[in-house]
N, C-alpha and C. Protein backbone atom coordinates (compact mmCIF):
# COMPACT_ATOMS: atom_id res chain seq x y z
N MET A 1 0.90 -0.84 0.20
CA MET A 1 -0.08 -0.07 -0.18
C MET A 1 0.89 1.17 0.13
N ARG A 2 0.75 2.09 -0.76
CA ARG A 2 1.26 3.64 -1.27
C ARG A 2 0.66 4.82 0.17
N PHE A 3 1.72 5.50 0.77
CA PHE A 3 0.82 6.29 1.06
C PHE A 3 1.15 7.66 0.72
N GLU A 4 1.15 9.02 0.72
CA GLU A 4 1.38 9.75 0.05
C GLU A 4 1.80 10.84 1.07
N VAL A 5 2.90 11.23 0.85
CA VAL A 5 4.30 11.92 1.91
C VAL A 5 3.42 13.50 1.68
N PRO A 6 2.92 13.91 2.64
CA PRO A 6 2.45 15.25 2.90
C PRO A 6 3.45 16.33 2.06
N GLN A 7 3.58 17.40 1.30
CA GLN A 7 4.43 18.07 1.02
C GLN A 7 4.26 19.95 1.13
N PHE A 8 4.90 20.75 1.40
CA PHE A 8 4.66 21.92 1.96
C PHE A 8 4.15 22.36 3.19
N ILE A 9 4.60 21.30 4.47
CA ILE A 9 4.04 21.44 5.31
C ILE A 9 3.98 23.06 6.04
N GLU A 10 5.41 23.69 5.66
CA GLU A 10 5.91 24.96 6.25
C GLU A 10 4.67 25.85 6.03
N VAL A 11 3.90 25.77 4.57
CA VAL A 11 3.09 27.19 4.20
C VAL A 11 1.94 26.40 5.02
N GLU A 12 1.34 27.37 5.69
CA GLU A 12 0.01 27.88 6.53
C GLU A 12 -1.33 27.94 5.73
N ASP A 13 -1.48 27.58 6.18
CA ASP A 13 -3.32 27.96 5.15
C ASP A 13 -3.82 29.03 5.53
N LYS A 14 -4.43 29.13 4.30
CA LYS A 14 -4.73 30.29 4.19
C LYS A 14 -6.32 30.90 5.28
N ILE A 15 -6.39 31.22 6.07
CA ILE A 15 -8.06 31.32 6.78
C ILE A 15 -9.04 32.44 6.35
N PHE A 16 -8.97 33.20 6.69
CA PHE A 16 -9.38 34.69 6.27
C PHE A 16 -8.86 34.89 5.09
N GLY A 17 -9.35 34.79 3.81
CA GLY A 17 -9.23 35.34 2.57
C GLY A 17 -7.84 35.13 2.28
N PRO A 18 -6.91 36.21 2.26
CA PRO A 18 -5.34 35.75 1.65
C PRO A 18 -4.46 35.83 3.18
N PHE A 19 -5.16 36.03 4.76
CA PHE A 19 -4.34 36.00 5.94
C PHE A 19 -4.27 34.20 6.07
N THR A 20 -3.89 34.20 6.44
CA THR A 20 -3.34 33.46 7.86
C THR A 20 -3.96 33.58 9.04
N TRP A 21 -3.94 32.55 10.01
CA TRP A 21 -4.55 32.45 11.08
C TRP A 21 -3.51 33.62 11.98
N LYS A 22 -2.81 33.08 12.12
CA LYS A 22 -1.80 33.68 12.59
C LYS A 22 -1.50 35.61 12.33
N GLN A 23 -1.39 35.92 10.56
CA GLN A 23 -1.78 37.27 10.48
C GLN A 23 -3.04 37.86 10.59
N PHE A 24 -4.26 36.94 10.85
CA PHE A 24 -5.42 37.62 11.24
C PHE A 24 -5.50 37.94 12.76
N LEU A 25 -5.18 37.25 13.31
CA LEU A 25 -4.67 37.67 14.98
C LEU A 25 -4.01 38.37 14.99
N TYR A 26 -2.73 39.10 14.38
CA TYR A 26 -1.76 40.04 14.73
C TYR A 26 -2.80 41.39 14.35
N LEU A 27 -3.21 41.18 12.77
CA LEU A 27 -3.92 42.03 12.37
C LEU A 27 -5.34 43.02 13.14
N SER A 28 -6.12 41.71 13.46
CA SER A 28 -7.00 42.36 14.53
C SER A 28 -6.65 42.53 15.98
N GLY A 29 -5.67 42.09 16.05
CA GLY A 29 -5.38 42.57 17.71
C GLY A 29 -4.98 43.88 17.75
N GLY A 30 -3.57 44.10 16.64
CA GLY A 30 -3.29 45.57 17.10
C GLY A 30 -3.69 46.30 16.51
N LEU A 31 -4.64 46.28 15.37
CA LEU A 31 -5.17 47.54 14.68
C LEU A 31 -6.55 48.00 15.49
N GLY A 32 -7.72 46.59 15.88
CA GLY A 32 -8.32 46.88 17.08
C GLY A 32 -7.80 48.22 17.82
N ILE A 33 -6.82 47.16 18.93
CA ILE A 33 -6.73 47.98 19.90
C ILE A 33 -5.83 50.13 18.98
N ALA A 34 -5.74 49.68 18.20
CA ALA A 34 -5.33 51.23 17.78
C ALA A 34 -6.60 52.04 17.52
N VAL A 35 -7.18 51.76 17.06
CA VAL A 35 -8.58 52.12 16.64
C VAL A 35 -9.28 52.16 17.91
N VAL A 36 -9.12 51.49 19.35
CA VAL A 36 -9.98 52.26 20.50
C VAL A 36 -8.99 52.99 21.00
N ILE A 37 -7.61 53.11 20.51
CA ILE A 37 -7.24 54.01 21.41
C ILE A 37 -7.35 55.51 20.90
N PHE A 38 -7.84 55.61 19.12
CA PHE A 38 -8.12 56.66 18.19
C PHE A 38 -9.46 57.27 18.95
N LEU A 39 -10.04 56.47 18.75
CA LEU A 39 -11.58 56.93 19.80
C LEU A 39 -11.79 57.23 21.05
N THR A 40 -10.84 56.99 21.99
CA THR A 40 -10.89 57.49 23.00
C THR A 40 -9.68 58.42 23.78
N LEU A 41 -8.74 58.29 23.25
CA LEU A 41 -7.67 59.50 23.62
C LEU A 41 -7.25 60.62 22.45
N PRO A 42 -6.83 61.05 23.07
CA PRO A 42 -6.44 62.89 22.05
C PRO A 42 -5.74 62.15 21.05
N PHE A 43 -5.37 63.11 19.81
CA PHE A 43 -4.74 62.29 18.68
C PHE A 43 -3.30 62.64 19.47
N VAL A 44 -2.98 63.42 20.15
CA VAL A 44 -1.38 63.25 20.46
C VAL A 44 -1.16 62.11 21.36
N LEU A 45 -2.20 61.00 22.20
CA LEU A 45 -1.65 60.35 22.75
C LEU A 45 -2.16 58.90 21.52
N PHE A 46 -2.77 58.91 20.90
CA PHE A 46 -3.14 58.37 19.37
C PHE A 46 -1.89 58.11 19.00
N VAL A 47 -1.04 58.83 18.54
CA VAL A 47 0.70 58.70 17.79
C VAL A 47 1.25 58.67 18.65
N LEU A 48 1.47 58.65 19.69
CA LEU A 48 2.24 58.37 21.00
C LEU A 48 1.83 56.99 20.93
N LEU A 49 1.24 56.30 21.11
CA LEU A 49 0.25 54.93 21.84
C LEU A 49 0.24 54.09 20.04
N GLY A 50 -1.00 54.44 19.55
CA GLY A 50 -2.04 53.64 19.14
C GLY A 50 -1.04 53.36 17.18
N VAL A 51 -0.17 54.45 17.15
CA VAL A 51 1.02 53.84 15.87
C VAL A 51 1.73 52.92 15.76
N PRO A 52 2.29 52.74 17.10
CA PRO A 52 3.48 52.19 16.95
C PRO A 52 2.82 50.57 17.60
N ILE A 53 1.68 50.90 18.31
CA ILE A 53 0.93 49.14 18.45
C ILE A 53 0.44 49.53 16.91
N GLY A 54 -0.36 49.41 15.84
CA GLY A 54 -0.38 49.32 14.83
C GLY A 54 0.08 49.07 13.76
N SER A 55 1.30 49.95 13.44
CA SER A 55 2.98 49.40 13.23
C SER A 55 3.23 48.01 13.61
N LEU A 56 4.14 47.76 14.87
CA LEU A 56 3.84 46.64 15.51
C LEU A 56 3.01 45.42 14.88
N ALA A 57 1.72 45.39 15.00
CA ALA A 57 1.09 44.40 14.47
C ALA A 57 0.93 44.07 12.77
N ILE A 58 1.18 44.95 12.34
CA ILE A 58 1.86 44.92 10.70
C ILE A 58 2.90 44.11 10.86
N LEU A 59 3.96 44.84 11.33
CA LEU A 59 5.33 43.78 11.46
C LEU A 59 4.88 42.67 11.91
N LEU A 60 4.50 41.98 12.26
CA LEU A 60 4.30 40.71 13.14
C LEU A 60 3.65 40.23 12.58
N ALA A 61 2.67 40.30 11.07
CA ALA A 61 1.76 39.68 10.91
C ALA A 61 2.60 40.10 9.14
N PHE A 62 3.30 40.46 8.54
CA PHE A 62 3.80 40.24 7.51
C PHE A 62 5.47 40.24 7.32
N TYR A 63 6.19 41.04 8.01
CA TYR A 63 7.34 41.10 7.70
C TYR A 63 8.64 39.91 8.23
N PRO A 64 9.02 39.71 7.37
CA PRO A 64 9.60 38.50 7.67
C PRO A 64 11.00 39.05 8.12
N VAL A 65 11.98 38.31 8.69
CA VAL A 65 13.64 38.83 9.04
C VAL A 65 14.73 37.79 9.05
N ASN A 66 15.36 37.28 8.01
CA ASN A 66 15.99 36.46 7.59
C ASN A 66 15.17 34.96 7.57
N ASN A 67 13.97 35.25 6.61
CA ASN A 67 13.47 34.73 6.16
C ASN A 67 12.53 33.49 7.87
N ARG A 68 12.48 34.20 8.94
CA ARG A 68 11.76 33.83 9.80
C ARG A 68 10.88 34.77 10.10
N PRO A 69 9.78 34.43 11.00
CA PRO A 69 8.53 35.51 11.45
C PRO A 69 9.23 36.79 12.42
N PHE A 70 8.73 37.79 11.94
CA PHE A 70 8.90 38.68 13.15
C PHE A 70 8.73 38.23 14.47
N SER A 71 7.80 37.59 14.84
CA SER A 71 8.17 37.13 15.97
C SER A 71 9.09 36.30 16.99
N ILE A 72 9.74 35.18 16.09
CA ILE A 72 11.18 35.11 16.54
C ILE A 72 11.99 35.81 16.83
N PHE A 73 12.11 36.71 15.42
CA PHE A 73 13.11 38.22 16.08
C PHE A 73 12.93 38.78 17.17
N LEU A 74 11.89 38.97 17.33
CA LEU A 74 11.31 39.68 18.74
C LEU A 74 11.97 38.97 19.91
N GLU A 75 11.58 37.74 19.75
CA GLU A 75 12.20 36.57 20.94
C GLU A 75 13.48 36.68 21.06
N SER A 76 14.24 36.32 19.96
CA SER A 76 15.99 36.48 20.37
C SER A 76 16.58 37.89 20.28
N ILE A 77 15.33 38.94 20.10
CA ILE A 77 15.90 40.16 21.20
C ILE A 77 15.69 40.17 22.41
N PHE A 78 14.53 39.52 22.86
CA PHE A 78 14.17 39.62 24.53
C PHE A 78 15.17 39.15 25.22
N GLN A 79 15.74 37.50 24.53
CA GLN A 79 16.48 36.50 24.91
C GLN A 79 18.28 37.24 24.72
N PHE A 80 18.40 37.92 23.82
CA PHE A 80 19.85 38.73 24.36
C PHE A 80 19.72 39.62 24.99
N VAL A 81 19.18 40.22 25.18
CA VAL A 81 18.87 41.50 26.59
C VAL A 81 18.80 40.97 27.72
N SER A 82 18.01 39.81 27.88
CA SER A 82 17.97 39.46 28.97
C SER A 82 19.08 38.28 29.95
N THR A 83 19.35 37.91 29.06
CA THR A 83 20.58 36.82 29.39
C THR A 83 21.53 37.75 29.49
N ASN A 84 22.73 36.59 30.45
CA ASN A 84 24.11 36.78 30.45
C ASN A 84 24.99 36.29 29.10
N LYS A 85 25.86 37.43 29.55
CA LYS A 85 26.61 37.04 28.10
C LYS A 85 27.80 36.97 28.77
N LEU A 86 28.44 35.45 28.12
CA LEU A 86 30.07 35.03 28.37
C LEU A 86 30.99 35.73 27.39
N TYR A 87 31.94 36.50 28.27
CA TYR A 87 32.93 37.39 27.22
C TYR A 87 34.33 36.67 27.74
N LEU A 88 34.61 35.42 26.38
CA LEU A 88 35.59 35.03 26.37
C LEU A 88 36.83 35.84 26.73
N TRP A 89 36.97 36.82 25.89
CA TRP A 89 37.73 38.27 26.14
C TRP A 89 37.40 39.48 25.80
N ARG A 90 37.94 40.20 26.85
CA ARG A 90 37.30 41.67 26.20
C ARG A 90 38.67 42.65 27.08
N LYS A 91 39.17 43.16 25.93
CA LYS A 91 39.78 44.28 26.35
C LYS A 91 39.34 45.16 26.77
N LYS A 92 40.32 45.27 28.38
CA LYS A 92 39.88 46.53 29.44
C LYS A 92 41.24 48.04 29.51
N GLY A 93 40.59 48.83 29.78
CA GLY A 93 41.49 50.08 29.87
C GLY A 93 41.58 50.85 28.50
N THR A 94 40.99 50.36 27.33
CA THR A 94 40.73 51.26 26.69
C THR A 94 39.49 52.14 26.12
N GLY A 95 38.96 52.41 26.86
CA GLY A 95 37.52 53.43 27.36
C GLY A 95 38.49 54.92 25.56
N ILE A 96 37.31 55.15 25.54
CA ILE A 96 37.31 56.11 24.66
C ILE A 96 37.84 57.84 24.82
N TYR A 97 37.53 58.16 26.40
CA TYR A 97 38.31 59.06 27.10
C TYR A 97 39.20 58.97 27.17
N GLU A 98 39.96 58.00 28.07
CA GLU A 98 41.25 57.79 28.70
C GLU A 98 42.32 57.99 27.52
N GLN A 99 43.21 59.12 28.16
CA GLN A 99 44.50 59.17 27.45
C GLN A 99 45.69 58.55 27.97
N GLU A 100 46.44 58.09 26.62
CA GLU A 100 47.60 57.65 26.53
C GLU A 100 48.45 57.67 27.33
N GLU A 101 49.55 57.28 27.68
CA GLU A 101 50.13 57.69 28.90
C GLU A 101 51.41 58.14 27.68
N SER A 102 52.02 59.62 28.27
CA SER A 102 53.05 59.91 27.21
C SER A 102 54.26 59.27 27.76
N GLY A 103 55.27 59.49 26.94
CA GLY A 103 56.61 58.37 26.97
C GLY A 103 57.02 58.77 27.83
N LYS A 104 57.39 60.08 28.46
CA LYS A 104 58.40 60.08 29.84
C LYS A 104 57.74 59.27 31.06
N GLU A 105 56.17 58.78 31.20
CA GLU A 105 55.53 58.10 32.08
C GLU A 105 56.19 56.72 31.74
N LYS A 106 55.93 56.06 30.56
CA LYS A 106 56.27 54.78 29.96
C LYS A 106 57.81 54.49 30.59
N GLN A 107 58.72 55.39 30.41
CA GLN A 107 59.88 55.21 30.42
C GLN A 107 59.90 55.19 32.01
N GLU A 108 59.69 56.23 32.97
CA GLU A 108 59.31 55.37 34.49
C GLU A 108 59.18 54.45 34.88
N MET A 109 57.84 54.08 34.02
CA MET A 109 57.26 52.79 34.45
C MET A 109 58.44 51.53 34.18
N ALA A 110 58.89 51.32 32.99
CA ALA A 110 59.37 50.78 32.56
C ALA A 110 60.51 50.11 33.31
N GLN A 111 61.43 51.50 34.21
CA GLN A 111 62.67 51.51 34.77
C GLN A 111 61.81 50.98 36.16
N ALA A 112 60.87 51.40 36.60
CA ALA A 112 60.38 51.55 38.31
C ALA A 112 60.06 49.70 38.24
N LEU A 113 59.76 48.98 36.88
CA LEU A 113 59.88 47.48 36.96
C LEU A 113 60.94 46.72 36.89
N PRO A 114 60.82 45.64 37.67
CA PRO A 114 62.00 44.91 37.93
C PRO A 114 62.31 43.86 36.87
N THR A 115 63.29 44.18 36.62
CA THR A 115 63.15 42.86 34.93
C THR A 115 64.31 41.77 35.31
N TYR A 116 63.78 40.50 34.78
CA TYR A 116 64.62 39.34 35.22
C TYR A 116 65.38 38.64 34.03
N THR A 117 66.54 38.48 34.19
CA THR A 117 67.39 38.17 33.23
C THR A 117 67.71 36.71 33.94
N PRO A 118 67.67 35.64 32.99
CA PRO A 118 68.24 34.40 33.18
C PRO A 118 69.76 34.20 32.69
N THR A 119 70.46 33.46 34.53
CA THR A 119 71.96 33.28 34.20
C THR A 119 71.89 31.93 33.11
N VAL A 120 73.13 31.65 32.53
CA VAL A 120 73.08 30.48 31.58
C VAL A 120 74.51 30.33 32.91
N ASN A 121 74.17 28.92 33.25
CA ASN A 121 75.08 27.96 34.19
C ASN A 121 76.22 27.11 33.31
N THR A 122 77.02 27.20 32.38
CA THR A 122 77.85 26.41 31.47
C THR A 122 78.07 25.11 32.12
N LYS A 123 78.32 24.84 33.03
CA LYS A 123 78.96 23.79 34.13
C LYS A 123 77.19 22.51 33.53
N ASN A 124 76.14 23.07 33.64
CA ASN A 124 75.10 22.43 33.95
C ASN A 124 75.25 22.29 32.71
N LEU A 125 75.04 23.26 31.50
CA LEU A 125 74.46 22.76 29.74
C LEU A 125 75.78 22.09 29.47
N ALA A 126 76.72 21.95 30.05
CA ALA A 126 77.54 21.24 29.67
C ALA A 126 77.29 19.07 29.96
N SER A 127 77.02 18.85 31.04
CA SER A 127 76.83 18.05 31.30
C SER A 127 75.77 17.58 30.85
N LEU A 128 74.74 18.13 31.00
CA LEU A 128 73.38 18.02 30.10
C LEU A 128 73.61 17.93 28.26
N SER A 129 74.59 18.70 27.73
CA SER A 129 74.90 18.02 26.52
C SER A 129 75.37 16.25 26.68
N ARG A 130 76.44 16.28 27.69
CA ARG A 130 77.07 14.88 27.68
C ARG A 130 76.13 14.24 27.86
N LYS A 131 74.80 14.18 28.38
CA LYS A 131 74.16 13.13 29.15
C LYS A 131 73.26 12.94 27.69
N LEU A 132 73.13 13.62 26.92
CA LEU A 132 71.71 13.71 25.75
C LEU A 132 72.76 12.60 24.39
N GLU A 133 74.29 13.24 24.48
CA GLU A 133 74.90 12.25 23.62
C GLU A 133 75.27 11.25 24.10
N LEU A 134 75.07 11.03 25.53
CA LEU A 134 75.33 9.60 25.72
C LEU A 134 74.17 8.47 25.60
N SER A 135 72.78 9.32 25.95
CA SER A 135 71.58 8.62 25.23
C SER A 135 71.58 8.22 23.90
N ALA A 136 71.76 9.42 23.41
CA ALA A 136 71.91 9.01 22.00
C ALA A 136 72.80 7.56 21.23
N ILE A 137 73.74 7.56 21.70
CA ILE A 137 74.53 6.49 21.63
C ILE A 137 73.93 5.23 22.25
N GLU A 138 73.53 5.13 23.34
CA GLU A 138 72.59 4.09 23.82
C GLU A 138 71.45 3.74 23.05
N ASN A 139 70.77 4.46 22.58
CA ASN A 139 69.30 4.33 22.23
C ASN A 139 69.79 3.58 20.73
N LYS A 140 71.13 4.00 19.61
CA LYS A 140 72.03 3.96 18.67
C LYS A 140 71.67 2.13 18.37
N GLN A 141 73.09 1.77 19.70
CA GLN A 141 72.65 0.72 19.93
C GLN A 141 71.53 -0.82 19.96
N VAL A 142 70.70 0.19 20.93
CA VAL A 142 69.11 -0.96 21.10
C VAL A 142 68.39 -0.65 20.01
N LEU A 143 68.74 0.23 19.13
CA LEU A 143 68.09 0.15 17.98
C LEU A 143 68.27 -0.99 17.02
N GLN A 144 69.42 -1.23 16.44
CA GLN A 144 70.66 -2.16 16.06
C GLN A 144 70.04 -3.47 16.06
N LYS A 145 69.33 -4.06 15.52
CA LYS A 145 69.52 -5.63 15.36
C LYS A 145 70.81 -6.39 15.35
N PRO A 146 70.78 -7.45 16.57
CA PRO A 146 71.74 -7.95 16.64
C PRO A 146 71.80 -8.94 15.35
N LYS A 147 73.01 -9.46 15.24
CA LYS A 147 73.07 -10.19 13.88
C LYS A 147 73.32 -11.52 13.61
N LEU A 148 72.77 -12.31 13.38
CA LEU A 148 72.54 -13.84 13.81
C LEU A 148 73.71 -14.51 13.09
N GLU A 149 74.26 -15.33 13.59
CA GLU A 149 75.95 -15.91 12.47
C GLU A 149 74.74 -17.01 11.65
N LYS A 150 75.17 -17.67 10.58
CA LYS A 150 74.83 -18.66 10.00
C LYS A 150 75.30 -19.89 10.41
N LYS A 151 74.78 -20.58 10.86
CA LYS A 151 75.66 -22.25 11.01
C LYS A 151 75.28 -23.28 10.20
N ASP A 152 76.52 -23.55 9.25
CA ASP A 152 76.12 -24.40 8.59
C ASP A 152 75.93 -26.11 9.06
C-alpha cells in the first residue's frame, strides 16, 4: 500500500481571505487596539501609542527577518537582552576618553619594574649535552638488531 507524503507542510493555510490565522490575529488585535485608542484618547496620545501598536501588528503579520517570522526575531532580541553574556576576551582599559600615557611616563614605568634576566650556567649546560650524547649512543645500540650468524 502506498502512502502519500505531505508536501509544503511549512506553508500555513489561508483562512481569512489572503491571511493566515496568525496574520489575522495580529492584524485584528493590533489594529483593533489602535482604533480604540484613536476613538477614546486625544490625537497626540493616539500618535504616541496607537501608531506604534498598529505598526508592530503589521510587522508581526507581514515582515519576515532572515526568512523567519518577526515574532521569533523579537523573542531573540528579548533573550539576548535578558540573559547573561559570557565574554571570552574583553580588552580592558581602552575607553574612549582615556588618555594615553606619554613617553616619559612609560619610561618611568619601565625603569620602576624589575626585569628578570636568566643566567646561563655553562657547567650544567655541558653536563646536559653530555647526557644527551650518551643517551643517543645507547639508543643507537638498542635500535640496531643483533646480527645472527649462520651455522652450516
